[in-house]
Amino acid sequence: MQSLSLKVFNTGGCVMERRNCNNNYYYYCNNNKRKCNIIVACSSPSSSSSSSSSSEKKNGEKNQTLSAYISSSQTYALLKQKMEVAAKSEDYKEAARIRDSMRSFEEEEPVLRLRTLMKDAIKNEKFEDAARYRDELKLIAPYSLLKCSSDTTTLGVRVQVRSVYIESRSRPSKGQYFYAYRIRITNNSERPVQLLRRHWVITDGNGKVENVWGIGVIGEQPVILPNTGFEYSSACPLSTPSGRMEGEFEMKHTDKLGSPSFNVAIAPFSLCIIGEESDTM
């Protein structure tokens, strides 16, 4: 039989229980008054279970760890939202209690813990340990190694992106997560360029991919002169608490008639409510 270790977080009317099964962690909210349960099931190994192929087993383990990561991310989002509501209603005692619960969560949540261990291992030049922590992160949280920002240059055109989770427009209990992102485009070339079209590739936490095409950005097709820039903000709703975005801008030089268009890359960046990077553009 597989033993279970339990960790309970009291968040005021909602008990968060943490279970360890096959080295994976699961959280659920159990509110007896509302009869609301968010449960990620974990099946224990049994000698009577039928054997499966190695590929099916690997896929099952991957789906299980992914479900665990999504569940813990959802729990964290709910805690953040509850704290925000308590603070706005000036219930500071409740807000402080939820804050302490979040700190306990952050200390023991597997993704945050592994990221901290990997960072410390790199700092201490323990690269073999860092590689092991990285591989574990890749398994349980495919997007956790991405930052919430990206920076890349194509043909002298630099694109910087920064994303942020918007709690006030998100509804974790309904599977609705809202992210805003700000983009800075800097023309470091010697020729003026015009942004014609955009193409986004959005991948949610379950691996579902959506392609989005559009004319210009925020209703404009800006011309960006040499050594100048253009900034804008937009948003992306998501049905999972983590994901990633990447894409490209189609541009053309405007100093010569008939110049062919070219694509400027937008490097991948994460949409994630847990462990956002604190750096700014």
C-alpha atoms as a PDB file:
ATOM      1  CA  MET A   1       0.000   0.000   0.000  1.00  0.00           C
ATOM      2  CA  GLN A   2       1.122   3.578  -0.712  1.00  0.00           C
ATOM      3  CA  SER A   3       1.257   5.788   2.401  1.00  0.00           C
ATOM      4  CA  LEU A   4       0.020   9.368   2.345  1.00  0.00           C
ATOM      5  CA  SER A   5       1.592  12.306   4.158  1.00  0.00           C
ATOM      6  CA  LEU A   6      -0.762  15.172   5.015  1.00  0.00           C
ATOM      7  CA  LYS A   7      -0.246  18.897   5.443  1.00  0.00           C
ATOM      8  CA  VAL A   8      -3.206  21.126   6.348  1.00  0.00           C
ATOM      9  CA  PHE A   9      -3.477  24.865   5.640  1.00  0.00           C
ATOM     10  CA  ASN A  10      -6.265  26.823   7.355  1.00  0.00           C
ATOM     11  CA  THR A  11      -7.320  29.740   5.184  1.00  0.00           C
ATOM     12  CA  GLY A  12     -10.419  30.806   7.040  1.00  0.00           C
ATOM     13  CA  GLY A  13     -13.429  28.689   6.154  1.00  0.00           C
ATOM     14  CA  CYS A  14     -11.436  26.622   3.698  1.00  0.00           C
ATOM     15  CA  VAL A  15      -8.978  23.869   4.600  1.00  0.00           C
ATOM     16  CA  MET A  16      -6.208  23.178   2.124  1.00  0.00           C
ATOM     17  CA  GLU A  17      -4.922  19.628   2.476  1.00  0.00           C
ATOM     18  CA  ARG A  18      -1.620  18.614   0.922  1.00  0.00           C
ATOM     19  CA  ARG A  19      -1.042  14.959   0.032  1.00  0.00           C
ATOM     20  CA  ASN A  20       2.095  13.202  -1.088  1.00  0.00           C
ATOM     21  CA  CYS A  21       1.584  10.310  -3.477  1.00  0.00           C
ATOM     22  CA  ASN A  22       4.466   8.845  -5.460  1.00  0.00           C
ATOM     23  CA  ASN A  23       6.450  12.016  -4.673  1.00  0.00           C
ATOM     24  CA  ASN A  24       3.753  14.206  -6.257  1.00  0.00           C
ATOM     25  CA  TYR A  25       1.746  16.757  -4.318  1.00  0.00           C
ATOM     26  CA  TYR A  26      -1.986  17.373  -4.441  1.00  0.00           C
ATOM     27  CA  TYR A  27      -4.101  20.073  -2.827  1.00  0.00           C
ATOM     28  CA  TYR A  28      -7.814  20.273  -2.275  1.00  0.00           C
ATOM     29  CA  CYS A  29     -10.211  22.690  -0.663  1.00  0.00           C
ATOM     30  CA  ASN A  30     -12.788  21.197   1.669  1.00  0.00           C
ATOM     31  CA  ASN A  31     -15.457  23.563   2.947  1.00  0.00           C
ATOM     32  CA  ASN A  32     -18.076  21.600   4.881  1.00  0.00           C
ATOM     33  CA  LYS A  33     -20.450  24.552   5.050  1.00  0.00           C
ATOM     34  CA  ARG A  34     -20.516  25.056   1.307  1.00  0.00           C
ATOM     35  CA  LYS A  35     -19.951  21.418   0.473  1.00  0.00           C
ATOM     36  CA  CYS A  36     -17.304  22.528  -1.999  1.00  0.00           C
ATOM     37  CA  ASN A  37     -14.506  20.108  -2.825  1.00  0.00           C
ATOM     38  CA  ILE A  38     -11.650  20.538  -5.255  1.00  0.00           C
ATOM     39  CA  ILE A  39      -9.949  17.165  -5.397  1.00  0.00           C
ATOM     40  CA  VAL A  40      -7.195  15.715  -7.504  1.00  0.00           C
ATOM     41  CA  ALA A  41      -7.389  11.959  -7.080  1.00  0.00           C
ATOM     42  CA  CYS A  42      -4.294   9.835  -6.675  1.00  0.00           C
ATOM     43  CA  SER A  43      -4.433   6.098  -7.191  1.00  0.00           C
ATOM     44  CA  SER A  44      -2.100   3.909  -5.199  1.00  0.00           C
ATOM     45  CA  PRO A  45      -0.201   1.109  -6.885  1.00  0.00           C
ATOM     46  CA  SER A  46      -1.844  -2.302  -6.498  1.00  0.00           C
ATOM     47  CA  SER A  47      -0.524  -5.743  -7.176  1.00  0.00           C
ATOM     48  CA  SER A  48      -3.848  -6.676  -8.792  1.00  0.00           C
ATOM     49  CA  SER A  49      -3.747  -3.842 -11.331  1.00  0.00           C
ATOM     50  CA  SER A  50      -3.069  -4.815 -14.902  1.00  0.00           C
ATOM     51  CA  SER A  51       0.297  -3.944 -16.391  1.00  0.00           C
ATOM     52  CA  SER A  52       0.491  -1.256 -19.077  1.00  0.00           C
ATOM     53  CA  SER A  53       3.071  -0.401 -21.667  1.00  0.00           C
ATOM     54  CA  SER A  54       5.962   1.837 -20.697  1.00  0.00           C
ATOM     55  CA  SER A  55       4.751   4.628 -22.977  1.00  0.00           C
ATOM     56  CA  GLU A  56       1.264   4.590 -21.459  1.00  0.00           C
ATOM     57  CA  LYS A  57       2.769   4.618 -17.986  1.00  0.00           C
ATOM     58  CA  LYS A  58       4.959   7.608 -18.810  1.00  0.00           C
ATOM     59  CA  ASN A  59       2.024   9.488 -20.317  1.00  0.00           C
ATOM     60  CA  GLY A  60      -0.076   8.712 -17.260  1.00  0.00           C
ATOM     61  CA  GLU A  61       2.621   9.951 -14.902  1.00  0.00           C
ATOM     62  CA  LYS A  62       3.067  13.098 -16.959  1.00  0.00           C
ATOM     63  CA  ASN A  63      -0.665  13.823 -16.937  1.00  0.00           C
ATOM     64  CA  GLN A  64      -0.805  13.140 -13.210  1.00  0.00           C
ATOM     65  CA  THR A  65       2.036  15.516 -12.367  1.00  0.00           C
ATOM     66  CA  LEU A  66       0.599  18.146 -14.708  1.00  0.00           C
ATOM     67  CA  SER A  67      -2.779  17.854 -12.989  1.00  0.00           C
ATOM     68  CA  ALA A  68      -1.057  18.240  -9.628  1.00  0.00           C
ATOM     69  CA  TYR A  69       0.710  21.393 -10.783  1.00  0.00           C
ATOM     70  CA  ILE A  70      -2.504  22.909 -12.166  1.00  0.00           C
ATOM     71  CA  SER A  71      -4.333  22.041  -8.946  1.00  0.00           C
ATOM     72  CA  SER A  72      -1.699  23.622  -6.695  1.00  0.00           C
ATOM     73  CA  SER A  73      -1.581  26.704  -8.937  1.00  0.00           C
ATOM     74  CA  GLN A  74      -5.356  27.011  -8.670  1.00  0.00           C
ATOM     75  CA  THR A  75      -5.116  26.763  -4.882  1.00  0.00           C
ATOM     76  CA  TYR A  76      -2.511  29.527  -4.827  1.00  0.00           C
ATOM     77  CA  ALA A  77      -4.697  31.730  -7.045  1.00  0.00           C
ATOM     78  CA  LEU A  78      -7.671  31.221  -4.720  1.00  0.00           C
ATOM     79  CA  LEU A  79      -5.557  32.181  -1.705  1.00  0.00           C
ATOM     80  CA  LYS A  80      -4.313  35.338  -3.412  1.00  0.00           C
ATOM     81  CA  GLN A  81      -7.831  36.349  -4.363  1.00  0.00           C
ATOM     82  CA  LYS A  82      -9.170  35.702  -0.840  1.00  0.00           C
ATOM     83  CA  MET A  83      -6.390  37.863   0.620  1.00  0.00           C
ATOM     84  CA  GLU A  84      -7.166  40.681  -1.815  1.00  0.00           C
ATOM     85  CA  VAL A  85     -10.865  40.582  -0.907  1.00  0.00           C
ATOM     86  CA  ALA A  86     -10.061  40.605   2.812  1.00  0.00           C
ATOM     87  CA  ALA A  87      -7.692  43.563   2.399  1.00  0.00           C
ATOM     88  CA  LYS A  88     -10.224  45.578   0.371  1.00  0.00           C
ATOM     89  CA  SER A  89     -12.902  44.975   3.004  1.00  0.00           C
ATOM     90  CA  GLU A  90     -10.370  46.081   5.675  1.00  0.00           C
ATOM     91  CA  ASP A  91     -10.499  42.715   7.401  1.00  0.00           C
ATOM     92  CA  TYR A  92      -6.780  42.930   8.070  1.00  0.00           C
ATOM     93  CA  LYS A  93      -6.713  40.088  10.585  1.00  0.00           C
ATOM     94  CA  GLU A  94      -8.127  37.712   7.973  1.00  0.00           C
ATOM     95  CA  ALA A  95      -5.789  39.115   5.307  1.00  0.00           C
ATOM     96  CA  ALA A  96      -2.792  38.503   7.588  1.00  0.00           C
ATOM     97  CA  ARG A  97      -3.913  34.940   8.295  1.00  0.00           C
ATOM     98  CA  ILE A  98      -4.272  34.181   4.582  1.00  0.00           C
ATOM     99  CA  ARG A  99      -0.898  35.824   3.926  1.00  0.00           C
ATOM    100  CA  ASP A 100       0.718  33.477   6.441  1.00  0.00           C
ATOM    101  CA  SER A 101      -0.997  30.513   4.776  1.00  0.00           C
ATOM    102  CA  MET A 102       0.403  31.658   1.435  1.00  0.00           C
ATOM    103  CA  ARG A 103       3.898  31.850   2.884  1.00  0.00           C
ATOM    104  CA  SER A 104       3.611  28.301   4.184  1.00  0.00           C
ATOM    105  CA  PHE A 105       2.339  27.241   0.770  1.00  0.00           C
ATOM    106  CA  GLU A 106       5.259  28.950  -0.990  1.00  0.00           C
ATOM    107  CA  GLU A 107       7.787  27.240   1.272  1.00  0.00           C
ATOM    108  CA  GLU A 108       6.452  23.757   0.543  1.00  0.00           C
ATOM    109  CA  GLU A 109       4.928  24.025  -2.934  1.00  0.00           C
ATOM    110  CA  PRO A 110       7.096  21.718  -5.092  1.00  0.00           C
ATOM    111  CA  VAL A 111       7.637  24.101  -8.032  1.00  0.00           C
ATOM    112  CA  LEU A 112       8.715  27.034  -5.883  1.00  0.00           C
ATOM    113  CA  ARG A 113      10.877  24.784  -3.727  1.00  0.00           C
ATOM    114  CA  LEU A 114      12.647  23.235  -6.721  1.00  0.00           C
ATOM    115  CA  ARG A 115      13.225  26.629  -8.333  1.00  0.00           C
ATOM    116  CA  THR A 116      14.836  27.878  -5.140  1.00  0.00           C
ATOM    117  CA  LEU A 117      17.012  24.762  -4.882  1.00  0.00           C
ATOM    118  CA  MET A 118      18.082  25.100  -8.512  1.00  0.00           C
ATOM    119  CA  LYS A 119      18.959  28.783  -8.055  1.00  0.00           C
ATOM    120  CA  ASP A 120      21.018  28.027  -4.938  1.00  0.00           C
ATOM    121  CA  ALA A 121      22.767  25.106  -6.670  1.00  0.00           C
ATOM    122  CA  ILE A 122      23.798  27.339  -9.577  1.00  0.00           C
ATOM    123  CA  LYS A 123      25.010  30.029  -7.191  1.00  0.00           C
ATOM    124  CA  ASN A 124      27.154  27.455  -5.362  1.00  0.00           C
ATOM    125  CA  GLU A 125      28.354  25.942  -8.672  1.00  0.00           C
ATOM    126  CA  LYS A 126      26.714  22.581  -7.919  1.00  0.00           C
ATOM    127  CA  PHE A 127      25.721  22.129 -11.532  1.00  0.00           C
ATOM    128  CA  GLU A 128      24.875  18.424 -11.352  1.00  0.00           C
ATOM    129  CA  ASP A 129      22.328  19.172  -8.623  1.00  0.00           C
ATOM    130  CA  ALA A 130      21.015  22.112 -10.637  1.00  0.00           C
ATOM    131  CA  ALA A 131      20.502  19.864 -13.671  1.00  0.00           C
ATOM    132  CA  ARG A 132      18.585  17.351 -11.557  1.00  0.00           C
ATOM    133  CA  TYR A 133      16.294  20.046 -10.147  1.00  0.00           C
ATOM    134  CA  ARG A 134      15.765  21.405 -13.675  1.00  0.00           C
ATOM    135  CA  ASP A 135      14.743  17.965 -14.966  1.00  0.00           C
ATOM    136  CA  GLU A 136      12.279  17.557 -12.094  1.00  0.00           C
ATOM    137  CA  LEU A 137      10.785  20.961 -12.894  1.00  0.00           C
ATOM    138  CA  LYS A 138      10.392  20.029 -16.545  1.00  0.00           C
ATOM    139  CA  LEU A 139       8.359  17.014 -15.479  1.00  0.00           C
ATOM    140  CA  ILE A 140       5.962  18.599 -12.998  1.00  0.00           C
ATOM    141  CA  ALA A 141       5.696  22.120 -14.464  1.00  0.00           C
ATOM    142  CA  PRO A 142       6.645  22.451 -18.142  1.00  0.00           C
ATOM    143  CA  TYR A 143       6.426  26.262 -18.140  1.00  0.00           C
ATOM    144  CA  SER A 144       7.998  26.978 -14.767  1.00  0.00           C
ATOM    145  CA  LEU A 145      11.465  27.427 -16.272  1.00  0.00           C
ATOM    146  CA  LEU A 146      10.203  30.229 -18.490  1.00  0.00           C
ATOM    147  CA  LYS A 147      10.310  33.739 -17.096  1.00  0.00           C
ATOM    148  CA  CYS A 148       7.346  36.084 -17.196  1.00  0.00           C
ATOM    149  CA  SER A 149       9.384  38.210 -19.583  1.00  0.00           C
ATOM    150  CA  SER A 150      11.327  37.751 -22.809  1.00  0.00           C
ATOM    151  CA  ASP A 151      13.751  39.790 -24.886  1.00  0.00           C
ATOM    152  CA  THR A 152      14.916  39.088 -28.436  1.00  0.00           C
ATOM    153  CA  THR A 153      16.178  41.009 -31.470  1.00  0.00           C
ATOM    154  CA  THR A 154      15.539  40.274 -35.159  1.00  0.00           C
ATOM    155  CA  LEU A 155      17.217  42.356 -37.897  1.00  0.00           C
ATOM    156  CA  GLY A 156      17.815  45.166 -35.442  1.00  0.00           C
ATOM    157  CA  VAL A 157      14.251  45.216 -34.096  1.00  0.00           C
ATOM    158  CA  ARG A 158      14.128  44.389 -30.393  1.00  0.00           C
ATOM    159  CA  VAL A 159      10.957  43.031 -28.771  1.00  0.00           C
ATOM    160  CA  GLN A 160      10.656  42.960 -24.969  1.00  0.00           C
ATOM    161  CA  VAL A 161       7.629  41.470 -23.225  1.00  0.00           C
ATOM    162  CA  ARG A 162       6.500  41.353 -19.622  1.00  0.00           C
ATOM    163  CA  SER A 163       3.386  39.506 -18.375  1.00  0.00           C
ATOM    164  CA  VAL A 164       1.526  39.822 -15.086  1.00  0.00           C
ATOM    165  CA  TYR A 165      -1.380  37.960 -13.506  1.00  0.00           C
ATOM    166  CA  ILE A 166      -4.468  40.136 -12.894  1.00  0.00           C
ATOM    167  CA  GLU A 167      -6.233  38.854  -9.790  1.00  0.00           C
ATOM    168  CA  SER A 168      -9.180  41.261  -9.967  1.00  0.00           C
ATOM    169  CA  ARG A 169     -10.281  39.956 -13.374  1.00  0.00           C
ATOM    170  CA  SER A 170      -9.633  36.271 -12.662  1.00  0.00           C
ATOM    171  CA  ARG A 171     -12.069  33.695 -11.299  1.00  0.00           C
ATOM    172  CA  PRO A 172      -9.977  30.656 -10.261  1.00  0.00           C
ATOM    173  CA  SER A 173     -13.024  28.786  -8.952  1.00  0.00           C
ATOM    174  CA  LYS A 174     -14.508  28.965 -12.467  1.00  0.00           C
ATOM    175  CA  GLY A 175     -11.265  28.174 -14.285  1.00  0.00           C
ATOM    176  CA  GLN A 176     -10.817  31.752 -15.528  1.00  0.00           C
ATOM    177  CA  TYR A 177      -7.372  33.352 -15.359  1.00  0.00           C
ATOM    178  CA  PHE A 178      -6.545  36.761 -16.783  1.00  0.00           C
ATOM    179  CA  TYR A 179      -3.079  37.972 -17.764  1.00  0.00           C
ATOM    180  CA  ALA A 180      -1.939  41.359 -18.988  1.00  0.00           C
ATOM    181  CA  TYR A 181       1.278  41.885 -20.897  1.00  0.00           C
ATOM    182  CA  ARG A 182       3.234  44.919 -21.983  1.00  0.00           C
ATOM    183  CA  ILE A 183       5.356  44.983 -25.121  1.00  0.00           C
ATOM    184  CA  ARG A 184       8.163  47.369 -26.004  1.00  0.00           C
ATOM    185  CA  ILE A 185       9.402  47.390 -29.613  1.00  0.00           C
ATOM    186  CA  THR A 186      12.667  49.245 -30.192  1.00  0.00           C
ATOM    187  CA  ASN A 187      14.057  49.884 -33.662  1.00  0.00           C
ATOM    188  CA  ASN A 188      17.832  49.664 -33.299  1.00  0.00           C
ATOM    189  CA  SER A 189      18.368  49.439 -37.063  1.00  0.00           C
ATOM    190  CA  GLU A 190      19.150  52.288 -39.440  1.00  0.00           C
ATOM    191  CA  ARG A 191      15.887  52.002 -41.393  1.00  0.00           C
ATOM    192  CA  PRO A 192      12.297  52.855 -40.416  1.00  0.00           C
ATOM    193  CA  VAL A 193       9.942  49.902 -40.035  1.00  0.00           C
ATOM    194  CA  GLN A 194       6.174  49.480 -39.934  1.00  0.00           C
ATOM    195  CA  LEU A 195       4.339  46.821 -37.963  1.00  0.00           C
ATOM    196  CA  LEU A 196       1.783  45.218 -40.288  1.00  0.00           C
ATOM    197  CA  ARG A 197       0.425  42.103 -38.582  1.00  0.00           C
ATOM    198  CA  ARG A 198       0.762  40.016 -35.448  1.00  0.00           C
ATOM    199  CA  HIS A 199       0.670  36.263 -34.850  1.00  0.00           C
ATOM    200  CA  TRP A 200       0.406  34.749 -31.381  1.00  0.00           C
ATOM    201  CA  VAL A 201       0.802  31.115 -30.359  1.00  0.00           C
ATOM    202  CA  ILE A 202      -0.880  30.602 -26.980  1.00  0.00           C
ATOM    203  CA  THR A 203      -0.451  27.306 -25.119  1.00  0.00           C
ATOM    204  CA  ASP A 204      -2.390  26.588 -21.930  1.00  0.00           C
ATOM    205  CA  GLY A 205      -1.325  24.382 -19.031  1.00  0.00           C
ATOM    206  CA  ASN A 206      -2.930  21.315 -20.630  1.00  0.00           C
ATOM    207  CA  GLY A 207      -0.929  21.734 -23.835  1.00  0.00           C
ATOM    208  CA  LYS A 208      -3.855  23.083 -25.890  1.00  0.00           C
ATOM    209  CA  VAL A 209      -2.534  25.429 -28.592  1.00  0.00           C
ATOM    210  CA  GLU A 210      -4.375  28.428 -30.027  1.00  0.00           C
ATOM    211  CA  ASN A 211      -3.136  30.559 -32.930  1.00  0.00           C
ATOM    212  CA  VAL A 212      -4.263  34.190 -33.102  1.00  0.00           C
ATOM    213  CA  TRP A 213      -3.663  36.444 -36.124  1.00  0.00           C
ATOM    214  CA  GLY A 214      -4.512  40.121 -36.446  1.00  0.00           C
ATOM    215  CA  ILE A 215      -3.836  43.371 -38.281  1.00  0.00           C
ATOM    216  CA  GLY A 216      -1.361  45.600 -36.439  1.00  0.00           C
ATOM    217  CA  VAL A 217      -1.629  45.979 -32.663  1.00  0.00           C
ATOM    218  CA  ILE A 218      -4.326  47.741 -30.599  1.00  0.00           C
ATOM    219  CA  GLY A 219      -5.856  49.047 -33.823  1.00  0.00           C
ATOM    220  CA  GLU A 220      -2.627  50.605 -35.102  1.00  0.00           C
ATOM    221  CA  GLN A 221       0.049  49.804 -37.666  1.00  0.00           C
ATOM    222  CA  PRO A 222       2.782  51.995 -36.181  1.00  0.00           C
ATOM    223  CA  VAL A 223       5.821  53.227 -38.079  1.00  0.00           C
ATOM    224  CA  ILE A 224       8.896  53.037 -35.848  1.00  0.00           C
ATOM    225  CA  LEU A 225      11.787  55.283 -36.814  1.00  0.00           C
ATOM    226  CA  PRO A 226      15.436  54.337 -36.191  1.00  0.00           C
ATOM    227  CA  ASN A 227      16.494  54.614 -32.535  1.00  0.00           C
ATOM    228  CA  THR A 228      12.904  55.050 -31.374  1.00  0.00           C
ATOM    229  CA  GLY A 229      10.366  52.686 -29.864  1.00  0.00           C
ATOM    230  CA  PHE A 230       6.691  51.829 -29.533  1.00  0.00           C
ATOM    231  CA  GLU A 231       4.958  50.403 -26.467  1.00  0.00           C
ATOM    232  CA  TYR A 232       1.516  48.957 -25.883  1.00  0.00           C
ATOM    233  CA  SER A 233      -0.382  46.767 -23.449  1.00  0.00           C
ATOM    234  CA  SER A 234      -2.823  43.948 -24.092  1.00  0.00           C
ATOM    235  CA  ALA A 235      -4.276  40.943 -22.303  1.00  0.00           C
ATOM    236  CA  CYS A 236      -4.851  37.211 -22.593  1.00  0.00           C
ATOM    237  CA  PRO A 237      -7.520  35.129 -20.826  1.00  0.00           C
ATOM    238  CA  LEU A 238      -6.603  31.521 -20.040  1.00  0.00           C
ATOM    239  CA  SER A 239      -8.545  28.521 -18.761  1.00  0.00           C
ATOM    240  CA  THR A 240      -5.584  27.154 -16.756  1.00  0.00           C
ATOM    241  CA  PRO A 241      -3.395  28.872 -14.126  1.00  0.00           C
ATOM    242  CA  SER A 242      -0.292  28.536 -16.273  1.00  0.00           C
ATOM    243  CA  GLY A 243       0.704  28.671 -19.919  1.00  0.00           C
ATOM    244  CA  ARG A 244       2.982  30.352 -22.392  1.00  0.00           C
ATOM    245  CA  MET A 245       2.901  32.801 -25.277  1.00  0.00           C
ATOM    246  CA  GLU A 246       5.182  33.391 -28.218  1.00  0.00           C
ATOM    247  CA  GLY A 247       4.777  34.708 -31.720  1.00  0.00           C
ATOM    248  CA  GLU A 248       5.952  37.147 -34.358  1.00  0.00           C
ATOM    249  CA  PHE A 249       5.297  40.544 -35.886  1.00  0.00           C
ATOM    250  CA  GLU A 250       5.216  40.971 -39.639  1.00  0.00           C
ATOM    251  CA  MET A 251       7.031  44.194 -40.555  1.00  0.00           C
ATOM    252  CA  LYS A 252       8.393  46.031 -43.572  1.00  0.00           C
ATOM    253  CA  HIS A 253      10.875  48.814 -44.222  1.00  0.00           C
ATOM    254  CA  THR A 254       9.173  52.046 -45.269  1.00  0.00           C
ATOM    255  CA  ASP A 255      12.120  53.916 -46.759  1.00  0.00           C
ATOM    256  CA  LYS A 256      11.988  52.017 -50.043  1.00  0.00           C
ATOM    257  CA  LEU A 257       8.897  51.331 -52.139  1.00  0.00           C
ATOM    258  CA  GLY A 258       8.161  47.644 -52.618  1.00  0.00           C
ATOM    259  CA  SER A 259      10.332  46.449 -49.732  1.00  0.00           C
ATOM    260  CA  PRO A 260       9.444  42.845 -48.803  1.00  0.00           C
ATOM    261  CA  SER A 261       8.006  42.150 -45.402  1.00  0.00           C
ATOM    262  CA  PHE A 262       9.891  40.194 -42.770  1.00  0.00           C
ATOM    263  CA  ASN A 263       9.049  38.531 -39.453  1.00  0.00           C
ATOM    264  CA  VAL A 264      10.290  39.726 -36.074  1.00  0.00           C
ATOM    265  CA  ALA A 265      10.256  37.065 -33.371  1.00  0.00           C
ATOM    266  CA  ILE A 266       8.519  37.389 -30.010  1.00  0.00           C
ATOM    267  CA  ALA A 267      10.413  35.004 -27.741  1.00  0.00           C
ATOM    268  CA  PRO A 268       8.427  32.654 -25.449  1.00  0.00           C
ATOM    269  CA  PHE A 269       7.360  33.918 -22.032  1.00  0.00           C
ATOM    270  CA  SER A 270       5.222  32.379 -19.317  1.00  0.00           C
ATOM    271  CA  LEU A 271       1.751  33.129 -18.064  1.00  0.00           C
ATOM    272  CA  CYS A 272       1.962  31.928 -14.482  1.00  0.00           C
ATOM    273  CA  ILE A 273       0.449  32.906 -11.154  1.00  0.00           C
ATOM    274  CA  ILE A 274       3.130  31.125  -9.118  1.00  0.00           C
ATOM    275  CA  GLY A 275       6.668  32.389  -8.831  1.00  0.00           C
ATOM    276  CA  GLU A 276       6.502  35.450 -11.052  1.00  0.00           C
ATOM    277  CA  GLU A 277       9.863  37.017 -11.713  1.00  0.00           C
ATOM    278  CA  SER A 278      10.453  40.389 -10.072  1.00  0.00           C
ATOM    279  CA  ASP A 279      12.648  41.858 -12.785  1.00  0.00           C
ATOM    280  CA  THR A 280      11.328  44.665 -14.975  1.00  0.00           C
ATOM    281  CA  MET A 281      12.001  45.708 -18.538  1.00  0.00           C
END
